[in-house]
Amino acid sequence: MYRVHTERLASRFYLCSLGVGVVGFGSFLFHMTLKHEAQLLDELPMIWVGTLLTWSMLDQTLFFGWRVNRLILPTVLLSLVVWITVTYVTNGDPVFHQVAYASIMTVSITHAIFIMVHPNAPLNVSDSSRRMRADARRLERQGTISFIVGFAIWNVDNIFCGRLRAARDVVGYPWAMLLEGHGWWHIFTGIGAYLLVLACEVITMSYMEHPDNFVMVYSMLPYLKRVKPYNPSHTLLRDFSAKKQPLQDAGTKKQN
């Protein structure tokens, strides 16, 4: 949230950052209490934040700047997340939650990949847009790999729980903490969540403004840095429309 403020990013990313924090807080409460209510505070925000990221991505990029009713997408996604929430609270099926969350993230990541590889997408307009596209690809790839590694470790921990517990007893603490697979799951998914939110920031801010306005800073905690103020007359979609118009005019003349 600090970087959202200092780099003057879209206010929607305050909610994304807050949502990730709520997931972490809910997970902390669940592990401390093992109460069902705390588990819901851990799992339901995952659905809400995933849906918010999906909206943020699709809202700016779904139609490549075409004029559409901007209320359709949030209405559909809000209806979906309310249905998922009510259904999960009612049935408590963990498989339903996992499938719902995976489906939401698959839509977001698949669409992000599409707009990064599509030759006619706005992120192919200029050198700066291609630079930001490369940054987004890198972050998406690293975030996805981090999630996969965490998920793999979690499953190994579930399958070999007894053996790992015995191994922890042998080595003793503090080294036994290295064999806490569930802990590593939280670490890797936390890193993955941060990187995927950052990739969403890169793509969304490039579309909302212009890639010239930002650069990625790769440090221990990478972030999107603003280097130019927002200029309404200089946006990515304006550049995209200007580049697309001569091609459309040429096609019209050819048909005539």
C-alpha atoms as a PDB file:
ATOM      1  CA  MET A   1       0.000   0.000   0.000  1.00  0.00           C
ATOM      2  CA  TYR A   2       2.956   2.304   0.622  1.00  0.00           C
ATOM      3  CA  ARG A   3       4.105   2.057  -2.991  1.00  0.00           C
ATOM      4  CA  VAL A   4       0.563   2.485  -4.276  1.00  0.00           C
ATOM      5  CA  HIS A   5       0.550   5.817  -2.443  1.00  0.00           C
ATOM      6  CA  THR A   6       4.070   7.038  -3.232  1.00  0.00           C
ATOM      7  CA  GLU A   7       3.920   6.110  -6.939  1.00  0.00           C
ATOM      8  CA  ARG A   8       0.328   7.375  -7.296  1.00  0.00           C
ATOM      9  CA  LEU A   9      -1.091   4.149  -8.697  1.00  0.00           C
ATOM     10  CA  ALA A  10      -4.798   3.496  -9.248  1.00  0.00           C
ATOM     11  CA  SER A  11      -6.833   3.390  -6.040  1.00  0.00           C
ATOM     12  CA  ARG A  12      -8.036  -0.133  -6.848  1.00  0.00           C
ATOM     13  CA  PHE A  13      -4.595  -1.385  -5.823  1.00  0.00           C
ATOM     14  CA  TYR A  14      -5.148  -0.146  -2.274  1.00  0.00           C
ATOM     15  CA  LEU A  15      -7.946  -2.712  -2.127  1.00  0.00           C
ATOM     16  CA  CYS A  16      -5.761  -5.419  -3.680  1.00  0.00           C
ATOM     17  CA  SER A  17      -2.987  -4.811  -1.143  1.00  0.00           C
ATOM     18  CA  LEU A  18      -5.454  -4.625   1.727  1.00  0.00           C
ATOM     19  CA  GLY A  19      -7.084  -7.853   0.551  1.00  0.00           C
ATOM     20  CA  VAL A  20      -3.773  -9.733   0.520  1.00  0.00           C
ATOM     21  CA  GLY A  21      -3.155  -8.435   4.046  1.00  0.00           C
ATOM     22  CA  VAL A  22      -6.584  -9.652   5.163  1.00  0.00           C
ATOM     23  CA  VAL A  23      -5.784 -13.113   3.777  1.00  0.00           C
ATOM     24  CA  GLY A  24      -2.567 -13.163   5.810  1.00  0.00           C
ATOM     25  CA  PHE A  25      -4.344 -11.959   8.954  1.00  0.00           C
ATOM     26  CA  GLY A  26      -7.123 -14.506   8.491  1.00  0.00           C
ATOM     27  CA  SER A  27      -4.583 -17.276   8.006  1.00  0.00           C
ATOM     28  CA  PHE A  28      -2.809 -16.185  11.201  1.00  0.00           C
ATOM     29  CA  LEU A  29      -6.072 -16.295  13.170  1.00  0.00           C
ATOM     30  CA  PHE A  30      -6.999 -19.692  11.742  1.00  0.00           C
ATOM     31  CA  HIS A  31      -3.668 -21.245  12.691  1.00  0.00           C
ATOM     32  CA  MET A  32      -3.887 -19.705  16.160  1.00  0.00           C
ATOM     33  CA  THR A  33      -7.481 -20.738  16.882  1.00  0.00           C
ATOM     34  CA  LEU A  34      -8.387 -23.518  14.398  1.00  0.00           C
ATOM     35  CA  LYS A  35     -11.896 -22.015  14.380  1.00  0.00           C
ATOM     36  CA  HIS A  36     -14.146 -22.315  11.319  1.00  0.00           C
ATOM     37  CA  GLU A  37     -14.889 -18.590  11.381  1.00  0.00           C
ATOM     38  CA  ALA A  38     -11.184 -17.785  11.190  1.00  0.00           C
ATOM     39  CA  GLN A  39     -10.809 -20.272   8.342  1.00  0.00           C
ATOM     40  CA  LEU A  40     -13.467 -18.369   6.397  1.00  0.00           C
ATOM     41  CA  LEU A  41     -11.564 -15.135   7.058  1.00  0.00           C
ATOM     42  CA  ASP A  42      -8.558 -16.848   5.489  1.00  0.00           C
ATOM     43  CA  GLU A  43     -10.242 -18.470   2.493  1.00  0.00           C
ATOM     44  CA  LEU A  44     -13.019 -16.101   1.405  1.00  0.00           C
ATOM     45  CA  PRO A  45     -10.711 -13.076   0.969  1.00  0.00           C
ATOM     46  CA  MET A  46      -8.685 -15.226  -1.431  1.00  0.00           C
ATOM     47  CA  ILE A  47     -11.783 -15.385  -3.646  1.00  0.00           C
ATOM     48  CA  TRP A  48     -12.500 -11.674  -3.277  1.00  0.00           C
ATOM     49  CA  VAL A  49      -8.925 -10.541  -3.986  1.00  0.00           C
ATOM     50  CA  GLY A  50      -8.617 -12.929  -6.935  1.00  0.00           C
ATOM     51  CA  THR A  51     -11.845 -11.534  -8.366  1.00  0.00           C
ATOM     52  CA  LEU A  52     -10.675  -7.957  -7.771  1.00  0.00           C
ATOM     53  CA  LEU A  53      -7.439  -8.653  -9.653  1.00  0.00           C
ATOM     54  CA  THR A  54      -9.400 -10.263 -12.471  1.00  0.00           C
ATOM     55  CA  TRP A  55     -11.672  -7.211 -12.706  1.00  0.00           C
ATOM     56  CA  SER A  56      -8.713  -4.838 -12.635  1.00  0.00           C
ATOM     57  CA  MET A  57      -7.088  -6.707 -15.507  1.00  0.00           C
ATOM     58  CA  LEU A  58     -10.186  -7.247 -17.652  1.00  0.00           C
ATOM     59  CA  ASP A  59     -11.601  -3.776 -17.014  1.00  0.00           C
ATOM     60  CA  GLN A  60      -8.724  -2.122 -18.851  1.00  0.00           C
ATOM     61  CA  THR A  61      -7.711  -4.768 -21.356  1.00  0.00           C
ATOM     62  CA  LEU A  62     -10.661  -6.973 -22.309  1.00  0.00           C
ATOM     63  CA  PHE A  63     -11.784  -4.979 -25.343  1.00  0.00           C
ATOM     64  CA  PHE A  64      -8.558  -3.150 -26.265  1.00  0.00           C
ATOM     65  CA  GLY A  65     -10.196   0.230 -25.663  1.00  0.00           C
ATOM     66  CA  TRP A  66     -13.520  -0.391 -27.436  1.00  0.00           C
ATOM     67  CA  ARG A  67     -16.506   1.511 -26.077  1.00  0.00           C
ATOM     68  CA  VAL A  68     -18.537  -0.903 -23.952  1.00  0.00           C
ATOM     69  CA  ASN A  69     -20.824  -0.617 -20.939  1.00  0.00           C
ATOM     70  CA  ARG A  70     -18.349  -0.526 -18.050  1.00  0.00           C
ATOM     71  CA  LEU A  71     -20.969  -1.820 -15.598  1.00  0.00           C
ATOM     72  CA  ILE A  72     -21.377  -5.218 -17.268  1.00  0.00           C
ATOM     73  CA  LEU A  73     -18.059  -6.712 -16.143  1.00  0.00           C
ATOM     74  CA  PRO A  74     -18.182  -5.684 -12.446  1.00  0.00           C
ATOM     75  CA  THR A  75     -21.829  -6.757 -12.237  1.00  0.00           C
ATOM     76  CA  VAL A  76     -21.019 -10.220 -13.594  1.00  0.00           C
ATOM     77  CA  LEU A  77     -17.960 -10.642 -11.355  1.00  0.00           C
ATOM     78  CA  LEU A  78     -19.754  -9.341  -8.261  1.00  0.00           C
ATOM     79  CA  SER A  79     -22.630 -11.759  -8.866  1.00  0.00           C
ATOM     80  CA  LEU A  80     -20.117 -14.581  -9.274  1.00  0.00           C
ATOM     81  CA  VAL A  81     -18.183 -13.820  -6.091  1.00  0.00           C
ATOM     82  CA  VAL A  82     -21.407 -13.465  -4.055  1.00  0.00           C
ATOM     83  CA  TRP A  83     -22.609 -16.842  -5.361  1.00  0.00           C
ATOM     84  CA  ILE A  84     -19.262 -18.476  -4.538  1.00  0.00           C
ATOM     85  CA  THR A  85     -19.257 -16.929  -1.054  1.00  0.00           C
ATOM     86  CA  VAL A  86     -22.810 -18.021  -0.208  1.00  0.00           C
ATOM     87  CA  THR A  87     -22.275 -21.498  -1.650  1.00  0.00           C
ATOM     88  CA  TYR A  88     -19.011 -22.066   0.225  1.00  0.00           C
ATOM     89  CA  VAL A  89     -20.373 -20.781   3.536  1.00  0.00           C
ATOM     90  CA  THR A  90     -23.342 -23.119   3.051  1.00  0.00           C
ATOM     91  CA  ASN A  91     -21.587 -26.311   1.979  1.00  0.00           C
ATOM     92  CA  GLY A  92     -18.083 -25.805   3.432  1.00  0.00           C
ATOM     93  CA  ASP A  93     -16.611 -28.005   0.703  1.00  0.00           C
ATOM     94  CA  PRO A  94     -12.845 -27.300   0.439  1.00  0.00           C
ATOM     95  CA  VAL A  95     -12.731 -28.756  -3.073  1.00  0.00           C
ATOM     96  CA  PHE A  96     -15.368 -26.234  -4.187  1.00  0.00           C
ATOM     97  CA  HIS A  97     -13.255 -23.403  -2.749  1.00  0.00           C
ATOM     98  CA  GLN A  98     -10.101 -24.678  -4.447  1.00  0.00           C
ATOM     99  CA  VAL A  99     -11.817 -25.080  -7.823  1.00  0.00           C
ATOM    100  CA  ALA A 100     -13.451 -21.642  -7.556  1.00  0.00           C
ATOM    101  CA  TYR A 101     -10.193 -19.899  -6.658  1.00  0.00           C
ATOM    102  CA  ALA A 102      -8.201 -21.774  -9.294  1.00  0.00           C
ATOM    103  CA  SER A 103     -10.803 -20.919 -11.949  1.00  0.00           C
ATOM    104  CA  ILE A 104     -10.715 -17.203 -11.111  1.00  0.00           C
ATOM    105  CA  MET A 105      -6.917 -17.068 -11.185  1.00  0.00           C
ATOM    106  CA  THR A 106      -6.801 -19.124 -14.392  1.00  0.00           C
ATOM    107  CA  VAL A 107      -9.031 -16.575 -16.137  1.00  0.00           C
ATOM    108  CA  SER A 108      -6.840 -13.701 -14.944  1.00  0.00           C
ATOM    109  CA  ILE A 109      -3.507 -15.327 -15.801  1.00  0.00           C
ATOM    110  CA  THR A 110      -4.726 -16.698 -19.153  1.00  0.00           C
ATOM    111  CA  HIS A 111      -6.010 -13.281 -20.189  1.00  0.00           C
ATOM    112  CA  ALA A 112      -2.763 -11.653 -19.074  1.00  0.00           C
ATOM    113  CA  ILE A 113      -0.801 -14.102 -21.215  1.00  0.00           C
ATOM    114  CA  PHE A 114      -3.118 -13.432 -24.163  1.00  0.00           C
ATOM    115  CA  ILE A 115      -2.654  -9.667 -24.105  1.00  0.00           C
ATOM    116  CA  MET A 116       1.094 -10.095 -23.709  1.00  0.00           C
ATOM    117  CA  VAL A 117       1.511 -12.382 -26.722  1.00  0.00           C
ATOM    118  CA  HIS A 118      -1.223 -11.077 -29.039  1.00  0.00           C
ATOM    119  CA  PRO A 119       0.515  -9.223 -31.905  1.00  0.00           C
ATOM    120  CA  ASN A 120      -2.291  -6.649 -32.202  1.00  0.00           C
ATOM    121  CA  ALA A 121      -2.613  -5.848 -28.500  1.00  0.00           C
ATOM    122  CA  PRO A 122      -1.764  -2.321 -27.270  1.00  0.00           C
ATOM    123  CA  LEU A 123       1.328  -3.589 -25.458  1.00  0.00           C
ATOM    124  CA  ASN A 124       2.954  -4.003 -28.890  1.00  0.00           C
ATOM    125  CA  VAL A 125       2.592  -0.339 -29.854  1.00  0.00           C
ATOM    126  CA  SER A 126       5.997   1.022 -28.842  1.00  0.00           C
ATOM    127  CA  ASP A 127       9.360   0.124 -27.353  1.00  0.00           C
ATOM    128  CA  SER A 128       8.259   1.304 -23.902  1.00  0.00           C
ATOM    129  CA  SER A 129       5.093  -0.796 -24.038  1.00  0.00           C
ATOM    130  CA  ARG A 130       7.096  -3.837 -25.105  1.00  0.00           C
ATOM    131  CA  ARG A 131       9.483  -3.171 -22.205  1.00  0.00           C
ATOM    132  CA  MET A 132       6.588  -3.162 -19.752  1.00  0.00           C
ATOM    133  CA  ARG A 133       5.179  -6.264 -21.412  1.00  0.00           C
ATOM    134  CA  ALA A 134       8.500  -8.031 -20.801  1.00  0.00           C
ATOM    135  CA  ASP A 135       8.402  -6.954 -17.141  1.00  0.00           C
ATOM    136  CA  ALA A 136       4.828  -8.219 -16.773  1.00  0.00           C
ATOM    137  CA  ARG A 137       5.769 -11.539 -18.377  1.00  0.00           C
ATOM    138  CA  ARG A 138       8.668 -11.935 -15.992  1.00  0.00           C
ATOM    139  CA  LEU A 139       6.530 -11.182 -12.940  1.00  0.00           C
ATOM    140  CA  GLU A 140       3.689 -13.448 -14.097  1.00  0.00           C
ATOM    141  CA  ARG A 141       6.141 -16.276 -14.706  1.00  0.00           C
ATOM    142  CA  GLN A 142       7.910 -15.883 -11.368  1.00  0.00           C
ATOM    143  CA  GLY A 143       4.641 -15.515  -9.460  1.00  0.00           C
ATOM    144  CA  THR A 144       3.114 -18.596 -11.080  1.00  0.00           C
ATOM    145  CA  ILE A 145       6.248 -20.672 -10.451  1.00  0.00           C
ATOM    146  CA  SER A 146       6.261 -19.558  -6.815  1.00  0.00           C
ATOM    147  CA  PHE A 147       2.639 -20.712  -6.413  1.00  0.00           C
ATOM    148  CA  ILE A 148       3.402 -24.058  -8.067  1.00  0.00           C
ATOM    149  CA  VAL A 149       6.458 -24.658  -5.861  1.00  0.00           C
ATOM    150  CA  GLY A 150       4.469 -23.802  -2.743  1.00  0.00           C
ATOM    151  CA  PHE A 151       1.608 -26.081  -3.796  1.00  0.00           C
ATOM    152  CA  ALA A 152       4.045 -28.933  -4.507  1.00  0.00           C
ATOM    153  CA  ILE A 153       5.712 -28.560  -1.100  1.00  0.00           C
ATOM    154  CA  TRP A 154       2.320 -28.468   0.605  1.00  0.00           C
ATOM    155  CA  ASN A 155       1.304 -31.742  -1.054  1.00  0.00           C
ATOM    156  CA  VAL A 156       4.609 -33.388  -0.146  1.00  0.00           C
ATOM    157  CA  ASP A 157       4.029 -32.255   3.438  1.00  0.00           C
ATOM    158  CA  ASN A 158       0.534 -33.793   3.408  1.00  0.00           C
ATOM    159  CA  ILE A 159       1.675 -37.089   1.878  1.00  0.00           C
ATOM    160  CA  PHE A 160       4.759 -37.580   4.053  1.00  0.00           C
ATOM    161  CA  CYS A 161       3.487 -35.848   7.183  1.00  0.00           C
ATOM    162  CA  GLY A 162       4.456 -38.674   9.559  1.00  0.00           C
ATOM    163  CA  ARG A 163       7.972 -39.063   8.199  1.00  0.00           C
ATOM    164  CA  LEU A 164       8.594 -35.326   8.207  1.00  0.00           C
ATOM    165  CA  ARG A 165       7.380 -35.073  11.802  1.00  0.00           C
ATOM    166  CA  ALA A 166       9.811 -37.825  12.790  1.00  0.00           C
ATOM    167  CA  ALA A 167      12.621 -36.075  10.911  1.00  0.00           C
ATOM    168  CA  ARG A 168      11.870 -32.819  12.742  1.00  0.00           C
ATOM    169  CA  ASP A 169      12.124 -34.657  16.061  1.00  0.00           C
ATOM    170  CA  VAL A 170      15.543 -35.990  15.041  1.00  0.00           C
ATOM    171  CA  VAL A 171      17.125 -32.711  13.894  1.00  0.00           C
ATOM    172  CA  GLY A 172      15.455 -30.586  16.582  1.00  0.00           C
ATOM    173  CA  TYR A 173      14.801 -26.851  16.526  1.00  0.00           C
ATOM    174  CA  PRO A 174      15.623 -24.447  14.979  1.00  0.00           C
ATOM    175  CA  TRP A 175      16.596 -26.649  12.003  1.00  0.00           C
ATOM    176  CA  ALA A 176      13.308 -28.525  12.219  1.00  0.00           C
ATOM    177  CA  MET A 177      11.572 -25.393  10.941  1.00  0.00           C
ATOM    178  CA  LEU A 178      13.135 -26.025   7.525  1.00  0.00           C
ATOM    179  CA  LEU A 179      11.019 -29.187   7.305  1.00  0.00           C
ATOM    180  CA  GLU A 180       7.743 -27.365   8.026  1.00  0.00           C
ATOM    181  CA  GLY A 181       6.237 -27.827   4.566  1.00  0.00           C
ATOM    182  CA  HIS A 182       3.047 -25.951   5.378  1.00  0.00           C
ATOM    183  CA  GLY A 183       5.105 -22.965   6.453  1.00  0.00           C
ATOM    184  CA  TRP A 184       6.958 -22.991   3.140  1.00  0.00           C
ATOM    185  CA  TRP A 185       3.576 -23.123   1.391  1.00  0.00           C
ATOM    186  CA  HIS A 186       2.641 -19.834   3.027  1.00  0.00           C
ATOM    187  CA  ILE A 187       5.994 -18.252   2.182  1.00  0.00           C
ATOM    188  CA  PHE A 188       5.921 -19.220  -1.495  1.00  0.00           C
ATOM    189  CA  THR A 189       2.254 -18.360  -2.000  1.00  0.00           C
ATOM    190  CA  GLY A 190       2.834 -15.008  -0.290  1.00  0.00           C
ATOM    191  CA  ILE A 191       5.695 -14.261  -2.683  1.00  0.00           C
ATOM    192  CA  GLY A 192       3.612 -15.472  -5.628  1.00  0.00           C
ATOM    193  CA  ALA A 193       0.656 -13.310  -4.627  1.00  0.00           C
ATOM    194  CA  TYR A 194       2.860 -10.215  -4.367  1.00  0.00           C
ATOM    195  CA  LEU A 195       4.417 -10.832  -7.792  1.00  0.00           C
ATOM    196  CA  LEU A 196       1.061 -11.461  -9.485  1.00  0.00           C
ATOM    197  CA  VAL A 197      -0.420  -8.300  -7.975  1.00  0.00           C
ATOM    198  CA  LEU A 198       2.660  -6.425  -9.192  1.00  0.00           C
ATOM    199  CA  ALA A 199       2.246  -7.871 -12.701  1.00  0.00           C
ATOM    200  CA  CYS A 200      -1.367  -6.701 -12.640  1.00  0.00           C
ATOM    201  CA  GLU A 201      -0.168  -3.226 -11.626  1.00  0.00           C
ATOM    202  CA  VAL A 202       2.288  -3.141 -14.541  1.00  0.00           C
ATOM    203  CA  ILE A 203      -0.326  -4.122 -17.123  1.00  0.00           C
ATOM    204  CA  THR A 204      -3.208  -2.086 -15.704  1.00  0.00           C
ATOM    205  CA  MET A 205      -1.244   1.136 -15.185  1.00  0.00           C
ATOM    206  CA  SER A 206       0.254   0.806 -18.674  1.00  0.00           C
ATOM    207  CA  TYR A 207      -3.270   0.676 -20.099  1.00  0.00           C
ATOM    208  CA  MET A 208      -4.738   3.349 -17.830  1.00  0.00           C
ATOM    209  CA  GLU A 209      -1.900   5.771 -18.525  1.00  0.00           C
ATOM    210  CA  HIS A 210       1.194   5.079 -20.648  1.00  0.00           C
ATOM    211  CA  PRO A 211       4.213   2.762 -20.256  1.00  0.00           C
ATOM    212  CA  ASP A 212       6.469   5.830 -20.544  1.00  0.00           C
ATOM    213  CA  ASN A 213       5.234   6.882 -17.098  1.00  0.00           C
ATOM    214  CA  PHE A 214       6.658   3.869 -15.248  1.00  0.00           C
ATOM    215  CA  VAL A 215       9.695   1.650 -14.813  1.00  0.00           C
ATOM    216  CA  MET A 216      10.098  -1.555 -12.840  1.00  0.00           C
ATOM    217  CA  VAL A 217      12.573  -1.445  -9.975  1.00  0.00           C
ATOM    218  CA  TYR A 218      13.989  -4.891  -9.211  1.00  0.00           C
ATOM    219  CA  SER A 219      15.222  -4.945  -5.634  1.00  0.00           C
ATOM    220  CA  MET A 220      14.701  -7.228  -2.668  1.00  0.00           C
ATOM    221  CA  LEU A 221      11.077  -6.092  -2.856  1.00  0.00           C
ATOM    222  CA  PRO A 222      10.428  -5.086  -6.498  1.00  0.00           C
ATOM    223  CA  TYR A 223       7.946  -2.327  -7.237  1.00  0.00           C
ATOM    224  CA  LEU A 224       6.534  -0.201 -10.046  1.00  0.00           C
ATOM    225  CA  LYS A 225       8.097   3.278  -9.996  1.00  0.00           C
ATOM    226  CA  ARG A 226       6.504   6.357 -11.519  1.00  0.00           C
ATOM    227  CA  VAL A 227       8.920   8.469 -13.574  1.00  0.00           C
ATOM    228  CA  LYS A 228       6.436  10.796 -15.304  1.00  0.00           C
ATOM    229  CA  PRO A 229       3.150  12.385 -14.207  1.00  0.00           C
ATOM    230  CA  TYR A 230      -0.137  11.323 -15.751  1.00  0.00           C
ATOM    231  CA  ASN A 231      -0.922  13.145 -19.010  1.00  0.00           C
ATOM    232  CA  PRO A 232      -4.469  12.529 -20.333  1.00  0.00           C
ATOM    233  CA  SER A 233      -3.383  13.436 -23.867  1.00  0.00           C
ATOM    234  CA  HIS A 234      -0.602  10.829 -23.845  1.00  0.00           C
ATOM    235  CA  THR A 235      -2.036   7.385 -23.121  1.00  0.00           C
ATOM    236  CA  LEU A 236      -1.390   3.902 -24.415  1.00  0.00           C
ATOM    237  CA  LEU A 237      -4.880   3.504 -25.860  1.00  0.00           C
ATOM    238  CA  ARG A 238      -4.545   6.819 -27.720  1.00  0.00           C
ATOM    239  CA  ASP A 239      -1.307   5.574 -29.269  1.00  0.00           C
ATOM    240  CA  PHE A 240      -2.977   2.273 -30.074  1.00  0.00           C
ATOM    241  CA  SER A 241      -5.959   3.981 -31.735  1.00  0.00           C
ATOM    242  CA  ALA A 242      -3.663   6.271 -33.728  1.00  0.00           C
ATOM    243  CA  LYS A 243      -1.666   3.297 -34.975  1.00  0.00           C
ATOM    244  CA  LYS A 244      -4.763   1.239 -35.765  1.00  0.00           C
ATOM    245  CA  GLN A 245      -6.655   3.972 -37.648  1.00  0.00           C
ATOM    246  CA  PRO A 246      -4.354   4.131 -40.740  1.00  0.00           C
ATOM    247  CA  LEU A 247      -4.591   0.351 -41.061  1.00  0.00           C
ATOM    248  CA  GLN A 248      -8.385   0.519 -40.943  1.00  0.00           C
ATOM    249  CA  ASP A 249      -8.427   3.336 -43.519  1.00  0.00           C
ATOM    250  CA  ALA A 250      -6.145   1.344 -45.802  1.00  0.00           C
ATOM    251  CA  GLY A 251      -8.409  -1.684 -45.502  1.00  0.00           C
ATOM    252  CA  THR A 252     -11.466   0.425 -46.325  1.00  0.00           C
ATOM    253  CA  LYS A 253      -9.814   1.898 -49.420  1.00  0.00           C
ATOM    254  CA  LYS A 254      -8.756  -1.564 -50.572  1.00  0.00           C
ATOM    255  CA  GLN A 255     -12.335  -2.844 -50.297  1.00  0.00           C
ATOM    256  CA  ASN A 256     -13.631   0.130 -52.276  1.00  0.00           C
END
